[in-house]
Amino acid sequence: MKHIINLYESINSTARNNSDCPPVVLPEEIFFTISIVGVLENLMVLLTVIKNKNLQSPMYFFICSLAISDMLGSLYKILENILIMFRNMGYLEPQSSFETTADDVVDSLFILSLLGSICSLSVIAADRYITIFHALRYHRIVTPRRALVVLMVIWTCCMGSGITIVTFSHHVPTVIAFTALFPLMLAFILCLYLHMFLLARSHARRTSTLPRANMRGAVTLTVLLGVFIFCWAPFVLHVLLMTFCPADPYCACYMSLFQVNGVLIMCNAVIDPFIYAFRSPELRDAFKKMTFCNRYQ
């Protein structure tokens, strides 16, 4: 994210004077390689769902939404590397209007990736809740058409929010609003989880068991949420520390891990498709069929 990187570089010398922690610098090849793998994996998830009518259900629509979010996060780093390469080769004039516009577009992809992931995980949580406790009415409540409408509204709001955040990214209220989305999403899902498992416990006492497939979906969401928190929380904390205590030695020491936090974000896009494939036999079988059919054609 250009605005975050520029602010980080502007305070880096001051922070270094107050901290004994040198910045951790990673080769750009690491970011580029992980990003390429992330784009290819999530593109494979999308193609698998598109080519198999059996997978074209609301649940997999929501998974595709999360895959798109992950792919945007990886695509952001690829495009950023390309812009840096063109600038170093002299094809882009530094601080020109074109470069500024291109940077803003690339930054919007980064913000859109985070917002899309937050909204996708939230809607997956709501879908799992309805699946478990309104199983008999699920197909009447969550239809493919309604799922697509919900996703269209979500992504429209995310795009509008992303443009707004990039435009006003230098203002503290914008940073606070941006970082507040992370705990708000966690609070929503945790409340839903608490209610879900309390009802599940009561339901299990009455009927001895819950549908295994429905609980499998809840466990998959738990794993996805855990990976998302692990990969994105360090960056969100970095933004908060950089905004409110950039010169503090302890904050500066943590901020020296900026590029490590960036790698974690890139890894999220690589890990999620493995979770889909490992937790969903239907998606795994469809992926195998598509891969082997394409190989022998």
Protein backbone atom coordinates (compact mmCIF):
# COMPACT_ATOMS: atom_id res chain seq x y z
CA MET A 1 0.00 0.00 0.00
CA LYS A 2 1.79 3.11 -1.27
CA HIS A 3 0.46 5.57 1.30
CA ILE A 4 1.44 3.26 4.16
CA ILE A 5 4.89 2.61 2.64
CA ASN A 6 5.57 6.30 2.06
CA LEU A 7 4.57 7.20 5.60
CA TYR A 8 6.66 4.32 6.89
CA GLU A 9 9.72 5.55 4.99
CA SER A 10 9.24 9.14 6.15
CA ILE A 11 9.33 8.14 9.82
CA ASN A 12 11.80 5.28 9.44
CA SER A 13 14.92 7.35 10.13
CA THR A 14 13.40 8.86 13.27
CA ALA A 15 12.22 5.48 14.48
CA ARG A 16 15.63 3.93 13.85
CA ASN A 17 17.23 6.52 16.13
CA ASN A 18 14.87 5.49 18.93
CA SER A 19 15.12 1.74 18.43
CA ASP A 20 17.85 -0.88 18.26
CA CYS A 21 15.80 -3.01 15.84
CA PRO A 22 17.00 -2.74 12.22
CA PRO A 23 14.33 -2.99 9.49
CA VAL A 24 13.83 -6.50 8.14
CA VAL A 25 14.27 -6.33 4.35
CA LEU A 26 13.07 -9.22 2.21
CA PRO A 27 13.85 -9.77 -1.50
CA GLU A 28 11.13 -8.58 -3.87
CA GLU A 29 11.33 -11.98 -5.56
CA ILE A 30 9.70 -13.53 -2.47
CA PHE A 31 6.70 -11.21 -2.71
CA PHE A 32 6.41 -11.69 -6.47
CA THR A 33 6.60 -15.50 -6.31
CA ILE A 34 4.04 -15.81 -3.51
CA SER A 35 1.73 -13.38 -5.33
CA ILE A 36 1.90 -15.35 -8.59
CA VAL A 37 1.09 -18.60 -6.75
CA GLY A 38 -1.81 -16.90 -4.94
CA VAL A 39 -3.33 -15.60 -8.18
CA LEU A 40 -3.06 -18.98 -9.91
CA GLU A 41 -4.50 -20.95 -6.98
CA ASN A 42 -7.51 -18.70 -6.49
CA LEU A 43 -8.09 -18.49 -10.24
CA MET A 44 -8.21 -22.29 -10.25
CA VAL A 45 -10.86 -22.19 -7.49
CA LEU A 46 -12.99 -19.79 -9.54
CA LEU A 47 -12.66 -21.84 -12.72
CA THR A 48 -13.53 -25.05 -10.87
CA VAL A 49 -16.76 -23.57 -9.54
CA ILE A 50 -17.67 -21.96 -12.89
CA LYS A 51 -17.15 -25.20 -14.86
CA ASN A 52 -19.07 -27.47 -12.44
CA LYS A 53 -22.81 -26.89 -12.13
CA ASN A 54 -22.91 -29.05 -9.01
CA LEU A 55 -20.81 -26.42 -7.23
CA GLN A 56 -22.88 -23.45 -8.34
CA SER A 57 -24.66 -23.00 -5.02
CA PRO A 58 -24.77 -20.03 -2.58
CA MET A 59 -22.10 -21.54 -0.33
CA TYR A 60 -19.59 -21.79 -3.19
CA PHE A 61 -20.57 -18.35 -4.47
CA PHE A 62 -19.47 -16.97 -1.11
CA ILE A 63 -16.25 -19.01 -1.26
CA CYS A 64 -15.61 -17.56 -4.73
CA SER A 65 -16.07 -14.09 -3.26
CA LEU A 66 -13.35 -14.82 -0.72
CA ALA A 67 -11.16 -16.26 -3.49
CA ILE A 68 -11.58 -13.04 -5.49
CA SER A 69 -10.54 -11.04 -2.42
CA ASP A 70 -7.42 -13.16 -2.02
CA MET A 71 -6.64 -12.86 -5.71
CA LEU A 72 -6.91 -9.07 -5.58
CA GLY A 73 -4.43 -9.01 -2.70
CA SER A 74 -1.94 -11.00 -4.75
CA LEU A 75 -2.63 -8.99 -7.91
CA TYR A 76 -1.92 -5.79 -5.97
CA LYS A 77 1.66 -6.86 -5.25
CA ILE A 78 2.26 -8.02 -8.83
CA LEU A 79 1.09 -4.69 -10.27
CA GLU A 80 3.08 -2.76 -7.67
CA ASN A 81 6.25 -4.63 -8.66
CA ILE A 82 5.56 -3.91 -12.33
CA LEU A 83 5.14 -0.18 -11.63
CA ILE A 84 8.37 -0.12 -9.61
CA MET A 85 10.19 -1.93 -12.43
CA PHE A 86 8.92 0.53 -15.06
CA ARG A 87 9.89 3.47 -12.86
CA ASN A 88 13.40 2.09 -12.31
CA MET A 89 13.77 1.56 -16.06
CA GLY A 90 12.78 5.17 -16.72
CA TYR A 91 9.44 4.47 -18.39
CA LEU A 92 7.54 6.23 -15.58
CA GLU A 93 8.39 9.70 -14.39
CA PRO A 94 8.49 9.78 -10.55
CA GLN A 95 5.61 11.70 -8.94
CA SER A 96 3.93 12.20 -12.32
CA SER A 97 0.16 12.35 -12.59
CA PHE A 98 0.06 8.97 -14.34
CA GLU A 99 2.17 7.29 -11.66
CA THR A 100 0.07 8.83 -8.88
CA THR A 101 -3.14 7.63 -10.54
CA ALA A 102 -1.70 4.16 -11.14
CA ASP A 103 -0.55 3.96 -7.50
CA ASP A 104 -4.02 4.94 -6.29
CA VAL A 105 -5.62 2.23 -8.46
CA VAL A 106 -3.18 -0.39 -7.14
CA ASP A 107 -3.74 0.76 -3.55
CA SER A 108 -7.48 0.45 -4.09
CA LEU A 109 -6.95 -3.23 -4.96
CA PHE A 110 -5.17 -3.72 -1.63
CA ILE A 111 -7.97 -2.08 0.36
CA LEU A 112 -10.57 -3.92 -1.70
CA SER A 113 -8.85 -7.21 -0.85
CA LEU A 114 -9.12 -6.57 2.90
CA LEU A 115 -12.69 -5.25 2.77
CA GLY A 116 -13.76 -8.09 0.47
CA SER A 117 -12.23 -10.67 2.79
CA ILE A 118 -13.96 -9.18 5.83
CA CYS A 119 -17.37 -9.08 4.12
CA SER A 120 -16.95 -12.53 2.54
CA LEU A 121 -16.05 -14.16 5.86
CA SER A 122 -19.00 -12.42 7.52
CA VAL A 123 -21.48 -13.60 4.88
CA ILE A 124 -20.02 -17.14 5.03
CA ALA A 125 -20.58 -17.08 8.80
CA ALA A 126 -24.19 -16.00 8.29
CA ASP A 127 -24.65 -18.71 5.66
CA ARG A 128 -23.29 -21.39 8.03
CA TYR A 129 -25.64 -20.16 10.77
CA ILE A 130 -28.68 -20.48 8.51
CA THR A 131 -27.48 -23.86 7.23
CA ILE A 132 -27.22 -25.32 10.73
CA PHE A 133 -30.31 -23.90 12.40
CA HIS A 134 -32.70 -23.40 9.50
CA ALA A 135 -31.73 -26.43 7.44
CA LEU A 136 -35.27 -27.23 6.29
CA ARG A 137 -35.82 -23.69 5.04
CA TYR A 138 -32.28 -22.99 3.89
CA HIS A 139 -32.94 -23.39 0.15
CA ARG A 140 -35.92 -21.03 0.41
CA ILE A 141 -34.02 -18.44 2.45
CA VAL A 142 -30.65 -18.55 0.67
CA THR A 143 -31.34 -18.89 -3.04
CA PRO A 144 -28.62 -18.48 -5.71
CA ARG A 145 -30.28 -15.29 -6.91
CA ARG A 146 -30.36 -13.77 -3.42
CA ALA A 147 -26.76 -14.81 -2.82
CA LEU A 148 -25.65 -13.06 -6.03
CA VAL A 149 -27.61 -9.93 -5.11
CA VAL A 150 -25.98 -9.87 -1.66
CA LEU A 151 -22.53 -10.26 -3.21
CA MET A 152 -23.21 -7.48 -5.72
CA VAL A 153 -24.23 -5.13 -2.92
CA ILE A 154 -21.21 -6.13 -0.83
CA TRP A 155 -18.70 -5.58 -3.62
CA THR A 156 -20.30 -2.29 -4.64
CA CYS A 157 -19.96 -1.04 -1.06
CA CYS A 158 -16.41 -2.36 -0.86
CA MET A 159 -15.38 -0.56 -4.04
CA GLY A 160 -16.90 2.71 -2.85
CA SER A 161 -15.25 2.33 0.56
CA GLY A 162 -11.91 1.40 -1.00
CA ILE A 163 -11.83 4.51 -3.18
CA THR A 164 -12.81 6.68 -0.21
CA ILE A 165 -10.13 5.19 2.05
CA VAL A 166 -7.37 5.66 -0.55
CA THR A 167 -8.48 9.23 -1.28
CA PHE A 168 -8.44 10.26 2.39
CA SER A 169 -5.76 7.84 3.63
CA HIS A 170 -3.61 10.59 5.12
CA HIS A 171 -6.31 11.58 7.61
CA VAL A 172 -6.32 9.96 11.06
CA PRO A 173 -10.12 9.42 11.15
CA THR A 174 -9.80 7.41 7.93
CA VAL A 175 -7.11 5.22 9.49
CA ILE A 176 -9.27 4.68 12.57
CA ALA A 177 -12.30 3.77 10.46
CA PHE A 178 -10.18 1.45 8.31
CA THR A 179 -8.66 -0.43 11.25
CA ALA A 180 -11.99 -0.51 13.15
CA LEU A 181 -13.49 -2.74 10.45
CA PHE A 182 -11.20 -5.57 11.55
CA PRO A 183 -12.41 -5.86 15.20
CA LEU A 184 -16.00 -5.15 14.17
CA MET A 185 -15.94 -8.11 11.80
CA LEU A 186 -14.45 -10.29 14.52
CA ALA A 187 -17.08 -9.15 17.01
CA PHE A 188 -19.90 -9.96 14.56
CA ILE A 189 -18.58 -13.43 13.76
CA LEU A 190 -17.74 -14.25 17.39
CA CYS A 191 -21.26 -13.25 18.50
CA LEU A 192 -22.67 -15.40 15.73
CA TYR A 193 -20.39 -18.25 16.78
CA LEU A 194 -21.39 -17.96 20.43
CA HIS A 195 -25.06 -18.10 19.55
CA MET A 196 -24.39 -20.87 17.05
CA PHE A 197 -22.61 -23.19 19.47
CA LEU A 198 -25.02 -22.51 22.34
CA LEU A 199 -27.92 -23.47 20.08
CA ALA A 200 -25.93 -26.40 18.69
CA ARG A 201 -25.37 -27.71 22.20
CA SER A 202 -29.06 -27.41 23.03
CA HIS A 203 -30.03 -28.97 19.69
CA ALA A 204 -27.61 -31.86 20.17
CA ARG A 205 -29.15 -32.69 23.54
CA ARG A 206 -32.58 -32.98 21.98
CA THR A 207 -31.69 -34.79 18.75
CA SER A 208 -28.40 -36.48 19.76
CA THR A 209 -26.51 -35.07 16.77
CA LEU A 210 -26.29 -32.30 14.19
CA PRO A 211 -25.87 -32.86 10.46
CA ARG A 212 -22.22 -33.72 9.90
CA ALA A 213 -21.94 -31.75 6.65
CA ASN A 214 -23.30 -28.60 8.28
CA MET A 215 -20.82 -28.80 11.15
CA ARG A 216 -18.02 -29.43 8.66
CA GLY A 217 -18.85 -26.08 7.08
CA ALA A 218 -18.68 -24.36 10.46
CA VAL A 219 -15.27 -25.90 11.13
CA THR A 220 -14.05 -24.76 7.69
CA LEU A 221 -15.13 -21.21 8.49
CA THR A 222 -13.28 -21.41 11.81
CA VAL A 223 -10.06 -22.39 10.03
CA LEU A 224 -10.47 -19.66 7.39
CA LEU A 225 -11.12 -17.07 10.08
CA GLY A 226 -8.10 -18.17 12.09
CA VAL A 227 -5.81 -17.94 9.06
CA PHE A 228 -7.24 -14.52 8.15
CA ILE A 229 -6.61 -13.14 11.64
CA PHE A 230 -3.09 -14.60 11.75
CA CYS A 231 -2.17 -13.11 8.37
CA TRP A 232 -3.85 -9.68 8.54
CA ALA A 233 -3.78 -8.72 12.24
CA PRO A 234 -0.03 -7.86 12.26
CA PHE A 235 -0.52 -5.39 9.41
CA VAL A 236 -3.56 -3.76 11.04
CA LEU A 237 -1.55 -3.40 14.26
CA HIS A 238 1.31 -1.91 12.23
CA VAL A 239 -1.01 0.76 10.79
CA LEU A 240 -2.28 1.68 14.27
CA LEU A 241 1.21 1.91 15.77
CA MET A 242 2.51 3.93 12.83
CA THR A 243 -0.36 6.38 13.24
CA PHE A 244 -0.34 6.86 17.00
CA CYS A 245 3.21 6.12 18.22
CA PRO A 246 5.66 6.26 15.30
CA ALA A 247 8.59 7.53 17.41
CA ASP A 248 8.15 5.18 20.36
CA PRO A 249 11.08 2.67 20.54
CA TYR A 250 8.83 -0.32 21.14
CA CYS A 251 6.47 0.66 18.32
CA ALA A 252 9.44 1.32 16.03
CA CYS A 253 10.85 -2.11 16.84
CA TYR A 254 7.59 -3.77 15.80
CA MET A 255 7.37 -1.62 12.68
CA SER A 256 10.76 -2.92 11.56
CA LEU A 257 8.83 -6.10 10.63
CA PHE A 258 6.77 -4.25 8.01
CA GLN A 259 7.85 -6.46 5.11
CA VAL A 260 7.33 -9.63 7.15
CA ASN A 261 3.74 -8.51 7.76
CA GLY A 262 3.40 -7.99 4.02
CA VAL A 263 4.53 -11.54 3.32
CA LEU A 264 1.93 -12.85 5.78
CA ILE A 265 -0.80 -11.05 3.83
CA MET A 266 0.42 -12.61 0.59
CA CYS A 267 0.50 -16.05 2.25
CA ASN A 268 -3.19 -15.76 3.15
CA ALA A 269 -4.09 -15.98 -0.54
CA VAL A 270 -1.96 -19.10 -0.92
CA ILE A 271 -3.28 -20.91 2.17
CA ASP A 272 -7.03 -20.40 1.65
CA PRO A 273 -7.38 -22.56 -1.52
CA PHE A 274 -5.71 -25.46 0.32
CA ILE A 275 -8.31 -25.08 3.08
CA TYR A 276 -11.15 -25.20 0.52
CA ALA A 277 -9.71 -28.32 -1.10
CA PHE A 278 -8.91 -30.07 2.17
CA ARG A 279 -12.28 -29.35 3.80
CA SER A 280 -14.55 -29.77 0.75
CA PRO A 281 -14.57 -33.20 -0.93
CA GLU A 282 -16.84 -31.86 -3.70
CA LEU A 283 -14.45 -29.05 -4.59
CA ARG A 284 -11.44 -31.37 -4.34
CA ASP A 285 -12.99 -33.94 -6.68
CA ALA A 286 -14.07 -31.27 -9.16
CA PHE A 287 -10.58 -29.78 -9.12
CA LYS A 288 -9.02 -33.20 -9.83
CA LYS A 289 -11.42 -33.91 -12.67
CA MET A 290 -10.81 -30.54 -14.30
CA THR A 291 -7.03 -30.88 -13.95
CA PHE A 292 -6.79 -34.42 -15.35
CA CYS A 293 -9.34 -33.79 -18.11
CA ASN A 294 -7.42 -30.74 -19.30
CA ARG A 295 -4.16 -32.71 -19.14
CA TYR A 296 -5.37 -35.53 -21.39
CA GLN A 297 -7.31 -33.46 -23.86
